[in-house]
């Protein structure tokens, strides 16, 4: 049996406070990539000079979903669940949309992929590669159970 191996990264986006964002990313074990924003203007007429993207530093893993800090464990020593999309939203500049994608596989048996889009207000939309089955059934007028899955 193979282990699930994946990769997770985002698009580039602007943040309100670079220092606060970088501290948060470090706390969540996210690798940060930085590039010039080429003077992009926002609704408030301000300019972005830098954009950031993040990727999971967990080798072959998805976005973090549990608190890593041992001092913040819930009663009973259980890790506290976190919502990476909601946390990221707090750092986004107004009008920015961050897209977080993760894809992976357990050998060629189970392929998976999920994408999230989040705005500065914390509104999140999610799609999964598995959504193709219901969408195909709808478009082609068949029952979803008539479509075989992409697995052994």
N, C-alpha and C. Protein backbone atom coordinates (compact mmCIF):
# COMPACT_ATOMS: atom_id res chain seq x y z
N UNK A 1 0.84 -1.17 0.00
CA UNK A 1 0.00 0.00 0.00
C UNK A 1 0.89 1.24 0.00
N UNK A 2 0.63 2.15 -0.90
CA UNK A 2 1.42 3.37 -1.02
C UNK A 2 0.90 4.44 -0.07
N UNK A 3 1.75 5.39 0.27
CA UNK A 3 1.34 6.53 1.06
C UNK A 3 0.82 7.62 0.15
N UNK A 4 -0.12 8.43 0.67
CA UNK A 4 -0.60 9.57 -0.08
C UNK A 4 0.52 10.61 -0.14
N UNK A 5 0.84 11.09 -1.32
CA UNK A 5 1.85 12.11 -1.50
C UNK A 5 1.23 13.24 -2.29
N UNK A 6 1.41 14.45 -1.82
CA UNK A 6 0.79 15.57 -2.50
C UNK A 6 1.62 16.82 -2.43
N UNK A 7 1.09 17.84 -3.02
CA UNK A 7 1.71 19.16 -3.02
C UNK A 7 0.59 20.20 -2.89
N UNK A 8 0.90 21.28 -2.21
CA UNK A 8 -0.08 22.35 -2.01
C UNK A 8 0.60 23.69 -2.21
N UNK A 9 -0.05 24.56 -2.98
CA UNK A 9 0.46 25.92 -3.17
C UNK A 9 -0.67 26.87 -3.51
N UNK A 10 -0.37 28.15 -3.48
CA UNK A 10 -1.38 29.17 -3.77
C UNK A 10 -0.97 29.99 -4.99
N UNK A 11 -1.87 30.86 -5.38
CA UNK A 11 -1.55 31.90 -6.35
C UNK A 11 -0.82 33.03 -5.60
N UNK A 12 -0.51 34.10 -6.30
CA UNK A 12 0.10 35.28 -5.66
C UNK A 12 -1.00 36.25 -5.27
N UNK A 13 -0.83 36.90 -4.11
CA UNK A 13 -1.82 37.83 -3.59
C UNK A 13 -1.11 38.90 -2.76
N UNK A 14 -1.79 40.00 -2.53
CA UNK A 14 -1.24 41.09 -1.71
C UNK A 14 -1.81 40.98 -0.30
N UNK A 15 -1.02 41.41 0.68
CA UNK A 15 -1.43 41.35 2.08
C UNK A 15 -1.41 42.75 2.69
N UNK A 16 -2.11 42.90 3.80
CA UNK A 16 -2.17 44.18 4.50
C UNK A 16 -0.89 44.52 5.23
N UNK A 17 -0.33 43.55 5.92
CA UNK A 17 0.83 43.78 6.78
C UNK A 17 1.83 42.65 6.54
N UNK A 18 2.91 42.97 5.82
CA UNK A 18 3.88 41.95 5.44
C UNK A 18 4.45 41.22 6.65
N UNK A 19 4.83 41.95 7.67
CA UNK A 19 5.46 41.33 8.84
C UNK A 19 4.50 40.35 9.54
N UNK A 20 3.27 40.78 9.74
CA UNK A 20 2.28 39.93 10.39
C UNK A 20 2.01 38.68 9.54
N UNK A 21 1.90 38.85 8.24
CA UNK A 21 1.66 37.72 7.34
C UNK A 21 2.82 36.73 7.40
N UNK A 22 4.05 37.22 7.36
CA UNK A 22 5.21 36.34 7.40
C UNK A 22 5.31 35.58 8.72
N UNK A 23 4.96 36.24 9.83
CA UNK A 23 4.95 35.56 11.13
C UNK A 23 3.91 34.44 11.14
N UNK A 24 2.72 34.74 10.60
CA UNK A 24 1.66 33.73 10.52
C UNK A 24 2.11 32.55 9.65
N UNK A 25 2.68 32.83 8.50
CA UNK A 25 3.12 31.76 7.59
C UNK A 25 4.17 30.87 8.26
N UNK A 26 5.08 31.49 8.99
CA UNK A 26 6.11 30.70 9.69
C UNK A 26 5.46 29.81 10.75
N UNK A 27 4.51 30.36 11.50
CA UNK A 27 3.81 29.60 12.54
C UNK A 27 3.07 28.40 11.93
N UNK A 28 2.58 28.54 10.72
CA UNK A 28 1.83 27.48 10.05
C UNK A 28 2.71 26.60 9.15
N UNK A 29 4.02 26.78 9.24
CA UNK A 29 4.97 26.00 8.44
C UNK A 29 4.70 26.11 6.94
N UNK A 30 4.46 27.33 6.49
CA UNK A 30 4.24 27.59 5.08
C UNK A 30 5.48 28.25 4.49
N UNK A 31 5.89 27.79 3.35
CA UNK A 31 6.99 28.41 2.61
C UNK A 31 6.40 29.59 1.85
N UNK A 32 7.04 30.74 1.92
CA UNK A 32 6.53 31.96 1.28
C UNK A 32 7.38 32.29 0.07
N UNK A 33 6.71 32.59 -1.03
CA UNK A 33 7.37 33.08 -2.24
C UNK A 33 6.92 34.52 -2.42
N UNK A 34 7.81 35.35 -2.91
CA UNK A 34 7.57 36.78 -2.99
C UNK A 34 7.91 37.26 -4.39
N UNK A 35 7.11 38.18 -4.92
CA UNK A 35 7.41 38.77 -6.22
C UNK A 35 6.88 40.20 -6.27
N UNK A 36 7.43 41.03 -7.14
CA UNK A 36 6.91 42.39 -7.29
C UNK A 36 5.49 42.37 -7.85
N UNK A 37 4.65 43.27 -7.38
CA UNK A 37 3.26 43.33 -7.84
C UNK A 37 3.11 44.21 -9.06
N UNK A 38 4.18 44.81 -9.50
CA UNK A 38 4.19 45.69 -10.68
C UNK A 38 3.19 46.84 -10.53
N UNK A 39 3.13 47.39 -9.31
CA UNK A 39 2.34 48.60 -9.07
C UNK A 39 0.84 48.43 -9.21
N UNK A 40 0.33 47.24 -9.05
CA UNK A 40 -1.10 46.98 -9.17
C UNK A 40 -1.89 47.88 -8.22
N UNK A 41 -2.98 48.45 -8.70
CA UNK A 41 -3.82 49.33 -7.87
C UNK A 41 -5.02 48.58 -7.32
N UNK A 42 -5.48 49.02 -6.12
CA UNK A 42 -6.63 48.42 -5.46
C UNK A 42 -7.78 49.41 -5.43
N UNK A 43 -8.94 48.94 -4.98
CA UNK A 43 -10.16 49.75 -4.94
C UNK A 43 -9.95 51.04 -4.14
N UNK A 44 -9.13 50.99 -3.10
CA UNK A 44 -8.91 52.19 -2.28
C UNK A 44 -7.83 53.09 -2.88
N UNK A 45 -7.42 52.80 -4.12
CA UNK A 45 -6.42 53.54 -4.89
C UNK A 45 -5.00 53.36 -4.36
N UNK A 46 -4.81 52.46 -3.41
CA UNK A 46 -3.46 52.17 -2.96
C UNK A 46 -2.78 51.25 -3.97
N UNK A 47 -1.49 51.14 -3.85
CA UNK A 47 -0.72 50.28 -4.74
C UNK A 47 -0.12 49.12 -3.98
N UNK A 48 -0.07 47.97 -4.63
CA UNK A 48 0.63 46.82 -4.06
C UNK A 48 2.03 46.80 -4.67
N UNK A 49 3.02 46.69 -3.85
CA UNK A 49 4.38 46.61 -4.35
C UNK A 49 4.93 45.20 -4.29
N UNK A 50 4.32 44.37 -3.45
CA UNK A 50 4.77 42.99 -3.30
C UNK A 50 3.57 42.08 -3.25
N UNK A 51 3.70 40.91 -3.87
CA UNK A 51 2.70 39.87 -3.76
C UNK A 51 3.37 38.63 -3.19
N UNK A 52 2.56 37.80 -2.55
CA UNK A 52 3.08 36.59 -1.91
C UNK A 52 2.29 35.38 -2.38
N UNK A 53 2.94 34.23 -2.37
CA UNK A 53 2.29 32.94 -2.55
C UNK A 53 2.82 32.06 -1.44
N UNK A 54 2.05 31.06 -1.07
CA UNK A 54 2.48 30.13 -0.04
C UNK A 54 2.36 28.70 -0.55
N UNK A 55 3.18 27.84 0.03
CA UNK A 55 3.06 26.42 -0.24
C UNK A 55 3.34 25.67 1.04
N UNK A 56 2.79 24.48 1.13
CA UNK A 56 2.96 23.67 2.32
C UNK A 56 4.40 23.19 2.41
N UNK A 57 5.01 23.32 3.58
CA UNK A 57 6.36 22.81 3.79
C UNK A 57 6.34 21.36 4.23
N UNK A 58 5.17 20.83 4.49
CA UNK A 58 5.05 19.44 4.88
C UNK A 58 5.33 18.59 3.65
N UNK A 59 6.46 17.91 3.64
CA UNK A 59 6.86 17.12 2.48
C UNK A 59 5.75 16.16 2.07
N UNK A 60 5.22 16.35 0.90
CA UNK A 60 4.19 15.47 0.39
C UNK A 60 2.86 15.60 1.10
N UNK A 61 2.65 16.71 1.78
CA UNK A 61 1.43 16.84 2.55
C UNK A 61 0.54 17.97 2.08
N UNK A 62 -0.67 17.97 2.62
CA UNK A 62 -1.65 19.00 2.27
C UNK A 62 -1.46 20.25 3.12
N UNK A 63 -2.41 21.17 3.02
CA UNK A 63 -2.40 22.37 3.85
C UNK A 63 -2.50 21.97 5.32
N UNK A 64 -1.86 22.71 6.20
CA UNK A 64 -1.97 22.38 7.63
C UNK A 64 -3.42 22.48 8.09
N UNK A 65 -3.82 21.55 8.95
CA UNK A 65 -5.19 21.57 9.46
C UNK A 65 -5.24 21.45 10.98
N UNK A 66 -4.07 21.30 11.61
CA UNK A 66 -4.02 21.23 13.07
C UNK A 66 -2.91 22.12 13.59
N UNK A 67 -3.13 22.64 14.80
CA UNK A 67 -2.16 23.51 15.48
C UNK A 67 -0.90 22.71 15.79
N UNK A 68 0.25 23.24 15.40
CA UNK A 68 1.52 22.55 15.65
C UNK A 68 2.13 22.93 17.00
N UNK A 69 1.76 24.08 17.53
CA UNK A 69 2.35 24.59 18.77
C UNK A 69 1.91 23.74 19.96
N UNK A 70 2.85 23.06 20.61
CA UNK A 70 2.55 22.19 21.74
C UNK A 70 1.92 22.94 22.90
N UNK A 71 2.16 24.25 23.01
CA UNK A 71 1.57 25.03 24.09
C UNK A 71 0.08 25.31 23.88
N UNK A 72 -0.40 25.06 22.66
CA UNK A 72 -1.80 25.37 22.36
C UNK A 72 -2.66 24.12 22.19
N UNK A 73 -2.20 22.99 22.71
CA UNK A 73 -2.98 21.77 22.61
C UNK A 73 -4.26 21.90 23.43
N UNK A 74 -5.35 21.32 22.92
CA UNK A 74 -6.61 21.33 23.64
C UNK A 74 -6.50 20.41 24.85
N UNK A 75 -7.47 20.51 25.73
CA UNK A 75 -7.51 19.62 26.91
C UNK A 75 -7.40 18.18 26.44
N UNK A 76 -6.62 17.40 27.16
CA UNK A 76 -6.42 16.01 26.80
C UNK A 76 -5.27 15.80 25.83
N UNK A 77 -4.55 16.87 25.52
CA UNK A 77 -3.38 16.74 24.67
C UNK A 77 -3.65 16.59 23.18
N UNK A 78 -4.89 16.86 22.75
CA UNK A 78 -5.23 16.74 21.34
C UNK A 78 -4.91 18.04 20.60
N UNK A 79 -4.35 17.93 19.39
CA UNK A 79 -4.09 19.15 18.62
C UNK A 79 -5.40 19.87 18.27
N UNK A 80 -5.35 21.18 18.28
CA UNK A 80 -6.52 22.01 17.95
C UNK A 80 -6.62 22.13 16.44
N UNK A 81 -7.82 21.91 15.91
CA UNK A 81 -8.04 22.04 14.47
C UNK A 81 -8.00 23.52 14.08
N UNK A 82 -7.42 23.81 12.93
CA UNK A 82 -7.36 25.18 12.43
C UNK A 82 -8.00 25.24 11.05
N UNK A 83 -8.37 26.43 10.62
CA UNK A 83 -8.96 26.67 9.30
C UNK A 83 -8.02 27.61 8.56
N UNK A 84 -7.15 27.04 7.75
CA UNK A 84 -6.10 27.82 7.09
C UNK A 84 -6.67 28.90 6.18
N UNK A 85 -7.82 28.62 5.55
CA UNK A 85 -8.41 29.61 4.64
C UNK A 85 -8.90 30.84 5.42
N UNK A 86 -9.58 30.60 6.53
CA UNK A 86 -10.07 31.71 7.34
C UNK A 86 -8.92 32.51 7.93
N UNK A 87 -7.88 31.83 8.37
CA UNK A 87 -6.71 32.55 8.90
C UNK A 87 -6.06 33.39 7.82
N UNK A 88 -5.89 32.84 6.63
CA UNK A 88 -5.27 33.60 5.53
C UNK A 88 -6.10 34.82 5.17
N UNK A 89 -7.42 34.69 5.18
CA UNK A 89 -8.31 35.80 4.83
C UNK A 89 -8.01 37.04 5.65
N UNK A 90 -7.64 36.85 6.91
CA UNK A 90 -7.36 37.98 7.80
C UNK A 90 -6.16 38.80 7.34
N UNK A 91 -5.32 38.21 6.50
CA UNK A 91 -4.11 38.90 6.03
C UNK A 91 -4.28 39.53 4.64
N UNK A 92 -5.31 39.14 3.92
CA UNK A 92 -5.47 39.60 2.55
C UNK A 92 -5.88 41.06 2.47
N UNK A 93 -5.30 41.75 1.53
CA UNK A 93 -5.68 43.13 1.24
C UNK A 93 -7.09 43.12 0.67
N UNK A 94 -7.88 44.15 0.98
CA UNK A 94 -9.25 44.22 0.48
C UNK A 94 -9.28 44.04 -1.04
N UNK A 95 -10.17 43.19 -1.50
CA UNK A 95 -10.30 42.92 -2.92
C UNK A 95 -9.45 41.76 -3.43
N UNK A 96 -8.56 41.26 -2.59
CA UNK A 96 -7.69 40.15 -3.01
C UNK A 96 -8.41 38.81 -2.88
N UNK A 97 -8.06 37.90 -3.76
CA UNK A 97 -8.58 36.54 -3.71
C UNK A 97 -7.38 35.60 -3.76
N UNK A 98 -7.26 34.79 -2.73
CA UNK A 98 -6.21 33.77 -2.69
C UNK A 98 -6.82 32.45 -3.13
N UNK A 99 -6.10 31.74 -3.97
CA UNK A 99 -6.52 30.42 -4.41
C UNK A 99 -5.50 29.42 -3.86
N UNK A 100 -6.01 28.44 -3.10
CA UNK A 100 -5.17 27.43 -2.49
C UNK A 100 -5.50 26.09 -3.15
N UNK A 101 -4.51 25.47 -3.76
CA UNK A 101 -4.73 24.17 -4.41
C UNK A 101 -3.87 23.12 -3.75
N UNK A 102 -4.42 21.91 -3.67
CA UNK A 102 -3.64 20.76 -3.25
C UNK A 102 -4.03 19.58 -4.13
N UNK A 103 -3.02 18.86 -4.57
CA UNK A 103 -3.25 17.66 -5.39
C UNK A 103 -2.34 16.57 -4.86
N UNK A 104 -2.78 15.33 -5.03
CA UNK A 104 -1.95 14.23 -4.57
C UNK A 104 -2.52 12.91 -5.02
N UNK A 105 -1.80 11.87 -4.65
CA UNK A 105 -2.22 10.52 -5.02
C UNK A 105 -1.63 9.52 -4.06
N UNK A 106 -2.32 8.41 -3.94
CA UNK A 106 -1.78 7.25 -3.25
C UNK A 106 -1.47 6.26 -4.35
N UNK A 107 -0.20 6.31 -4.81
CA UNK A 107 0.16 5.57 -6.02
C UNK A 107 -0.72 6.09 -7.14
N UNK A 108 -1.22 5.18 -7.99
CA UNK A 108 -2.19 5.59 -9.01
C UNK A 108 -3.59 5.15 -8.61
N UNK A 109 -3.72 4.69 -7.36
CA UNK A 109 -5.01 4.16 -6.92
C UNK A 109 -6.00 5.27 -6.59
N UNK A 110 -5.59 6.21 -5.80
CA UNK A 110 -6.49 7.29 -5.38
C UNK A 110 -5.88 8.63 -5.76
N UNK A 111 -6.49 9.31 -6.71
CA UNK A 111 -6.08 10.66 -7.09
C UNK A 111 -7.00 11.63 -6.38
N UNK A 112 -6.45 12.71 -5.89
CA UNK A 112 -7.31 13.70 -5.22
C UNK A 112 -6.79 15.10 -5.52
N UNK A 113 -7.71 16.01 -5.47
CA UNK A 113 -7.35 17.41 -5.67
C UNK A 113 -8.48 18.28 -5.17
N UNK A 114 -8.10 19.35 -4.50
CA UNK A 114 -9.07 20.30 -3.97
C UNK A 114 -8.52 21.70 -4.18
N UNK A 115 -9.41 22.61 -4.50
CA UNK A 115 -9.02 24.02 -4.63
C UNK A 115 -10.00 24.86 -3.82
N UNK A 116 -9.44 25.85 -3.13
CA UNK A 116 -10.22 26.79 -2.35
C UNK A 116 -9.92 28.18 -2.86
N UNK A 117 -10.93 29.03 -2.90
CA UNK A 117 -10.72 30.45 -3.15
C UNK A 117 -11.27 31.19 -1.95
N UNK A 118 -10.51 32.13 -1.43
CA UNK A 118 -10.91 32.87 -0.24
C UNK A 118 -10.66 34.36 -0.48
N UNK A 119 -11.58 35.20 0.00
CA UNK A 119 -11.37 36.64 -0.12
C UNK A 119 -11.05 37.23 1.25
N UNK A 120 -10.83 38.54 1.27
CA UNK A 120 -10.42 39.21 2.51
C UNK A 120 -11.50 39.17 3.59
N UNK A 121 -12.75 38.91 3.22
CA UNK A 121 -13.84 38.82 4.21
C UNK A 121 -13.96 37.44 4.83
N UNK A 122 -13.23 36.46 4.26
CA UNK A 122 -13.30 35.10 4.77
C UNK A 122 -14.31 34.22 4.04
N UNK A 123 -14.86 34.72 2.94
CA UNK A 123 -15.76 33.91 2.13
C UNK A 123 -14.92 32.87 1.39
N UNK A 124 -15.31 31.60 1.49
CA UNK A 124 -14.54 30.51 0.90
C UNK A 124 -15.43 29.71 -0.04
N UNK A 125 -14.88 29.40 -1.22
CA UNK A 125 -15.54 28.42 -2.08
C UNK A 125 -14.56 27.27 -2.27
N UNK A 126 -15.12 26.07 -2.50
CA UNK A 126 -14.30 24.86 -2.59
C UNK A 126 -14.79 24.02 -3.75
N UNK A 127 -13.83 23.46 -4.49
CA UNK A 127 -14.16 22.46 -5.49
C UNK A 127 -13.17 21.30 -5.33
N UNK A 128 -13.63 20.14 -5.75
CA UNK A 128 -12.81 18.93 -5.65
C UNK A 128 -12.79 18.25 -7.01
N UNK A 129 -11.72 17.51 -7.28
CA UNK A 129 -11.69 16.72 -8.51
C UNK A 129 -12.85 15.73 -8.54
N UNK A 130 -13.28 15.28 -7.38
CA UNK A 130 -14.41 14.34 -7.32
C UNK A 130 -15.71 14.96 -7.81
N UNK A 131 -15.77 16.28 -7.84
CA UNK A 131 -16.98 16.96 -8.33
C UNK A 131 -17.27 16.62 -9.79
N UNK A 132 -16.28 16.12 -10.51
CA UNK A 132 -16.46 15.80 -11.92
C UNK A 132 -17.53 14.73 -12.12
N UNK A 133 -17.67 13.80 -11.19
CA UNK A 133 -18.64 12.72 -11.35
C UNK A 133 -20.08 13.25 -11.39
N UNK A 134 -20.44 14.08 -10.44
CA UNK A 134 -21.80 14.62 -10.42
C UNK A 134 -22.00 15.60 -11.58
N UNK A 135 -20.98 16.36 -11.89
CA UNK A 135 -21.08 17.32 -13.01
C UNK A 135 -21.25 16.59 -14.34
N UNK A 136 -20.46 15.51 -14.56
CA UNK A 136 -20.58 14.73 -15.79
C UNK A 136 -21.95 14.08 -15.88
N UNK A 137 -22.45 13.54 -14.77
CA UNK A 137 -23.77 12.92 -14.78
C UNK A 137 -24.84 13.94 -15.16
N UNK A 138 -24.71 15.15 -14.61
CA UNK A 138 -25.66 16.22 -14.90
C UNK A 138 -25.61 16.62 -16.38
N UNK A 139 -24.42 16.87 -16.90
CA UNK A 139 -24.26 17.34 -18.28
C UNK A 139 -24.63 16.27 -19.30
N UNK A 140 -24.25 15.01 -19.03
CA UNK A 140 -24.48 13.95 -19.99
C UNK A 140 -25.79 13.19 -19.77
N UNK A 141 -26.55 13.59 -18.73
CA UNK A 141 -27.85 13.00 -18.50
C UNK A 141 -27.83 11.54 -18.11
N UNK A 142 -26.85 11.16 -17.29
CA UNK A 142 -26.75 9.78 -16.82
C UNK A 142 -26.71 9.79 -15.30
N UNK A 143 -26.81 8.62 -14.72
CA UNK A 143 -26.67 8.48 -13.27
C UNK A 143 -25.18 8.48 -12.93
N UNK A 144 -24.83 9.13 -11.82
CA UNK A 144 -23.42 9.19 -11.42
C UNK A 144 -22.83 7.81 -11.21
N UNK A 145 -23.64 6.82 -10.81
CA UNK A 145 -23.09 5.49 -10.59
C UNK A 145 -22.79 4.74 -11.89
N UNK A 146 -23.15 5.33 -13.01
CA UNK A 146 -22.80 4.76 -14.31
C UNK A 146 -21.37 5.12 -14.73
N UNK A 147 -20.76 6.03 -14.01
CA UNK A 147 -19.42 6.52 -14.36
C UNK A 147 -18.43 5.85 -13.41
N UNK A 148 -17.49 5.10 -13.96
CA UNK A 148 -16.52 4.43 -13.10
C UNK A 148 -15.53 5.44 -12.55
N UNK A 149 -14.97 5.13 -11.37
CA UNK A 149 -14.02 6.03 -10.71
C UNK A 149 -12.61 5.82 -11.26
N UNK A 150 -11.81 6.85 -11.12
CA UNK A 150 -10.40 6.80 -11.51
C UNK A 150 -9.60 6.14 -10.39
N UNK A 151 -9.70 4.82 -10.28
CA UNK A 151 -8.93 4.07 -9.29
C UNK A 151 -8.90 2.61 -9.71
N UNK A 152 -8.07 1.83 -9.02
CA UNK A 152 -7.98 0.40 -9.33
C UNK A 152 -9.22 -0.31 -8.89
